[in-house]
Protein backbone atom coordinates (compact mmCIF):
# COMPACT_ATOMS: atom_id res chain seq x y z
CA MET A 1 43.05 -20.44 67.39
CA SER A 2 40.20 -20.56 69.91
CA PRO A 3 37.42 -23.19 69.81
CA ALA A 4 35.03 -20.43 68.79
CA GLU A 5 37.21 -19.48 65.81
CA ARG A 6 37.55 -23.14 64.81
CA THR A 7 33.90 -24.14 65.17
CA GLY A 8 31.90 -20.94 64.89
CA HIS A 9 30.39 -21.55 68.33
CA PRO A 10 31.29 -19.83 71.63
CA LEU A 11 32.99 -22.33 73.91
CA ALA A 12 30.22 -22.18 76.53
CA ARG A 13 27.74 -23.32 73.87
CA MET A 14 29.77 -26.52 73.52
CA ILE A 15 29.90 -27.32 77.24
CA ASP A 16 27.49 -29.10 79.57
CA ILE A 17 27.86 -28.63 83.31
CA SER A 18 26.30 -30.87 85.92
CA ALA A 19 25.52 -31.75 89.52
CA VAL A 20 25.02 -35.50 89.27
CA GLN A 21 26.93 -36.88 92.25
CA ALA A 22 24.95 -38.76 94.89
CA GLN A 23 25.55 -36.06 97.49
CA HIS A 24 24.25 -33.16 95.40
CA GLY A 25 21.14 -31.57 96.87
CA ARG A 26 18.87 -28.58 96.35
CA ALA A 27 21.52 -25.97 97.07
CA ASP A 28 23.87 -27.60 94.56
CA VAL A 29 21.14 -27.64 91.91
CA GLU A 30 20.39 -23.97 92.52
CA GLU A 31 24.08 -23.12 92.33
CA LEU A 32 24.39 -25.12 89.11
CA ALA A 33 21.53 -23.17 87.56
CA GLY A 34 23.19 -19.92 88.54
CA HIS A 35 26.43 -20.89 86.84
CA ALA A 36 24.57 -22.16 83.78
CA LEU A 37 22.68 -18.90 83.35
CA ALA A 38 25.65 -16.65 84.07
CA GLY A 39 27.88 -18.54 81.64
CA ASP A 40 25.23 -19.32 79.00
CA PHE A 41 26.28 -22.98 78.97
CA VAL A 42 24.43 -25.14 76.49
CA ALA A 43 23.02 -27.52 79.12
CA ALA A 44 22.94 -28.29 82.83
CA HIS A 45 22.35 -31.83 84.05
CA VAL A 46 21.04 -33.15 87.36
CA LEU A 47 19.92 -36.52 88.67
CA PRO A 48 16.29 -37.30 87.76
CA SER A 49 14.77 -36.50 91.16
CA TRP A 50 16.15 -32.95 90.93
CA LEU A 51 14.93 -32.21 87.39
CA PRO A 52 11.64 -30.65 88.64
CA VAL A 53 13.78 -28.22 90.67
CA LEU A 54 16.20 -27.38 87.85
CA ARG A 55 13.73 -27.04 85.00
CA PRO A 56 11.90 -23.88 86.19
CA LEU A 57 15.19 -22.26 87.18
CA LEU A 58 16.27 -22.40 83.53
CA ASP A 59 12.97 -21.34 81.97
CA GLY A 60 13.37 -18.62 79.37
CA SER A 61 17.11 -19.23 79.01
CA HIS A 62 19.23 -20.80 76.27
CA THR A 63 20.39 -23.55 78.64
CA ASN A 64 18.71 -26.94 78.40
CA ALA A 65 17.75 -28.92 81.50
CA GLY A 66 19.15 -32.43 81.18
CA SER A 67 19.06 -35.66 83.15
CA PRO A 68 20.29 -39.26 82.75
CA VAL A 69 18.67 -42.67 82.42
CA GLY A 70 20.21 -45.69 84.12
CA PHE A 71 22.85 -43.54 85.77
CA PRO A 72 25.62 -44.23 86.60
CA SER A 73 25.94 -48.00 86.06
CA GLY A 74 23.70 -48.60 83.04
CA GLY A 75 22.70 -51.86 84.68
CA SER A 76 19.01 -51.14 85.26
CA ALA A 77 16.59 -53.51 83.54
CA THR A 78 15.41 -52.22 80.18
CA PRO A 79 11.77 -51.69 81.29
CA VAL A 80 13.06 -49.60 84.22
CA LYS A 81 15.12 -47.45 81.84
CA VAL A 82 12.11 -46.98 79.58
CA THR A 83 9.94 -45.94 82.52
CA GLU A 84 12.62 -43.52 83.72
CA ALA A 85 12.88 -41.96 80.27
CA ARG A 86 9.13 -41.48 80.06
CA TRP A 87 9.08 -39.94 83.55
CA LEU A 88 11.82 -37.49 82.54
CA LEU A 89 9.85 -36.48 79.46
CA ASP A 90 6.78 -35.82 81.61
CA ALA A 91 8.97 -33.78 84.00
CA GLY A 92 10.07 -31.51 81.15
CA VAL A 93 13.56 -32.78 80.37
CA GLN A 94 15.12 -31.05 77.36
CA GLU A 95 18.11 -33.37 76.90
CA MET A 96 18.66 -36.93 78.04
CA ASP A 97 21.62 -39.26 78.51
CA ILE A 98 21.29 -43.05 78.47
CA VAL A 99 23.99 -45.13 80.12
CA MET A 100 24.66 -48.20 78.01
CA ASN A 101 24.71 -51.52 79.86
CA VAL A 102 28.48 -51.80 80.14
CA GLY A 103 28.28 -55.28 81.64
CA LEU A 104 26.53 -56.57 78.52
CA VAL A 105 29.22 -55.03 76.33
CA ARG A 106 32.04 -56.51 78.40
CA SER A 107 30.27 -59.88 78.27
CA GLY A 108 30.10 -59.76 74.48
CA GLU A 109 26.29 -59.63 74.55
CA LEU A 110 26.12 -56.84 72.00
CA ALA A 111 22.69 -57.62 70.59
CA ALA A 112 21.22 -57.28 74.08
CA ALA A 113 23.11 -54.02 74.64
CA THR A 114 21.75 -52.70 71.36
CA ARG A 115 18.17 -53.68 72.21
CA ASP A 116 18.46 -51.98 75.59
CA VAL A 117 19.43 -48.64 74.06
CA ALA A 118 16.98 -48.97 71.19
CA ALA A 119 14.07 -49.48 73.59
CA VAL A 120 14.79 -46.19 75.35
CA LEU A 121 15.28 -44.33 72.08
CA GLU A 122 11.96 -45.71 70.87
CA ALA A 123 10.25 -44.49 74.03
CA VAL A 124 11.72 -41.00 73.60
CA ASP A 125 10.75 -41.02 69.93
CA GLY A 126 12.84 -38.00 69.00
CA ARG A 127 11.11 -35.62 71.40
CA VAL A 128 14.41 -34.50 72.95
CA PRO A 129 18.08 -35.01 72.03
CA VAL A 130 19.55 -38.18 73.53
CA LYS A 131 23.21 -39.05 74.12
CA VAL A 132 24.29 -42.66 74.69
CA ILE A 133 27.04 -42.98 77.33
CA LEU A 134 29.63 -45.66 76.53
CA GLU A 135 31.74 -45.37 79.70
CA VAL A 136 35.09 -45.65 77.92
CA GLY A 137 37.06 -45.95 81.16
CA LEU A 138 35.74 -49.49 81.62
CA LEU A 139 36.35 -50.69 78.05
CA ASP A 140 39.37 -51.80 76.09
CA GLU A 141 39.62 -50.73 72.45
CA ALA A 142 37.79 -53.75 71.06
CA GLN A 143 34.99 -53.29 73.58
CA LEU A 144 34.83 -49.58 72.85
CA ARG A 145 34.44 -50.27 69.16
CA ALA A 146 31.71 -52.80 69.92
CA ALA A 147 29.92 -50.38 72.25
CA ALA A 148 30.02 -47.55 69.73
CA GLN A 149 28.70 -49.86 67.02
CA ALA A 150 25.91 -51.06 69.30
CA ALA A 151 24.88 -47.46 69.97
CA VAL A 152 24.91 -46.67 66.25
CA ASP A 153 22.92 -49.81 65.47
CA ALA A 154 20.37 -48.81 68.11
CA GLY A 155 19.83 -45.51 66.31
CA ALA A 156 21.83 -43.13 68.50
CA ALA A 157 22.45 -39.69 66.99
CA SER A 158 24.86 -38.69 69.75
CA LEU A 159 27.47 -40.66 71.70
CA LYS A 160 29.10 -39.66 74.99
CA THR A 161 32.36 -41.02 76.33
CA GLY A 162 31.53 -41.37 80.01
CA THR A 163 29.56 -40.52 83.12
CA GLY A 164 32.46 -38.74 84.77
CA TRP A 165 32.27 -41.22 87.65
CA GLN A 166 35.30 -43.22 86.48
CA PRO A 167 38.86 -42.20 87.41
CA ARG A 168 40.24 -42.90 83.93
CA PRO A 169 39.89 -39.73 81.81
CA THR A 170 38.61 -39.54 78.27
CA THR A 171 41.49 -39.39 75.79
CA PRO A 172 41.74 -38.21 72.19
CA GLU A 173 42.20 -41.86 71.18
CA HIS A 174 38.85 -42.75 72.74
CA VAL A 175 37.21 -40.01 70.69
CA ARG A 176 39.02 -41.03 67.49
CA VAL A 177 37.79 -44.60 67.84
CA ILE A 178 34.23 -43.47 68.44
CA ARG A 179 34.38 -41.05 65.50
CA GLU A 180 35.65 -43.84 63.24
CA ILE A 181 32.65 -46.00 64.15
CA ALA A 182 30.07 -43.23 64.36
CA GLY A 183 30.96 -41.47 61.12
CA GLY A 184 30.88 -37.75 60.56
CA ASP A 185 27.20 -36.99 61.13
CA ARG A 186 26.86 -37.87 64.81
CA GLU A 187 27.65 -35.69 67.81
CA ILE A 188 30.37 -36.94 70.15
CA LYS A 189 30.47 -35.58 73.67
CA ALA A 190 33.75 -35.97 75.52
CA SER A 191 33.27 -36.14 79.27
CA GLY A 192 35.66 -37.00 82.06
CA GLY A 193 38.93 -35.43 83.16
CA ILE A 194 38.92 -32.32 80.95
CA ARG A 195 40.86 -29.79 82.99
CA SER A 196 42.70 -27.57 80.47
CA LEU A 197 42.23 -25.83 77.16
CA GLU A 198 45.03 -28.00 75.79
CA ALA A 199 43.09 -31.15 76.65
CA LEU A 200 39.92 -29.69 75.19
CA HIS A 201 41.69 -28.74 71.95
CA ALA A 202 43.12 -32.26 71.62
CA LEU A 203 39.66 -33.79 72.03
CA LEU A 204 38.21 -31.30 69.54
CA ASP A 205 40.91 -32.26 67.03
CA ALA A 206 40.06 -35.93 67.56
CA GLY A 207 36.42 -35.36 66.64
CA ALA A 208 34.56 -34.26 69.76
CA THR A 209 31.79 -31.74 69.18
CA ARG A 210 30.64 -31.20 72.74
CA PHE A 211 32.13 -31.43 76.22
CA GLY A 212 31.02 -32.37 79.71
CA ILE A 213 33.21 -30.51 82.19
CA ASN A 214 33.21 -30.06 85.95
CA THR A 215 31.45 -26.78 86.64
CA ALA A 216 34.38 -25.01 88.29
CA TYR A 217 36.73 -26.03 85.50
CA ALA A 218 34.15 -25.14 82.85
CA VAL A 219 33.83 -21.59 84.18
CA ARG A 220 37.63 -21.30 84.36
CA LEU A 221 38.22 -22.61 80.83
CA VAL A 222 35.63 -20.34 79.28
CA ALA A 223 37.24 -17.42 81.10
CA GLN A 224 40.65 -18.45 79.82
CA ALA A 225 39.26 -18.58 76.30
CA GLY A 226 38.06 -15.01 76.72
CA GLU A 227 34.39 -15.88 76.33
CA ALA A 228 33.05 -15.84 79.89
CA THR A 229 30.81 -13.38 81.56
CA PRO A 230 32.41 -12.17 84.80
């Protein structure tokens, strides 16, 4: 059974694509927008400085223009993250990711990690959807549980497994742990190392509701699922 048959949504409407590596420039952003529009992907994400380029390219489409806060380390000071979030709102962002301060989580300073996320969520004030990135590749299970709980306590409606910058891929077990903590009413985005429909199905079974996939692989997987435009 295809993801569309299981969820009622075309696969492309469950996938974000991105150009968020340090080397990505204007041509990459323009190429990303082209893929996003051709494939009707749910969102395309770029680094903050490129959002003013991406946003008009997606105007009038069903693809949201997204960008991250505190990317990729999560280690920016909270006031810096808040300022970045407000800047993104002014620039027309339609979705936002916040990278949790992984160092605080690994240090056991969970109240501080919670306050950090909560401050950004308060600044956004529900104006756009926000996903909190936990960076599962840097956490053991106990730390992952603590990070997911901190995000929930901060008021996150959506949790994301990783930035995609870590070599360790997201696994179904990562998603199951997050789903256990987050409950059934929050979105979970699996991101990092998804290269096959089999892997995607396993993450979907574990509780993922959305996916961040390398653009080339995303186009290929949607084609394999029989849902792509040529």
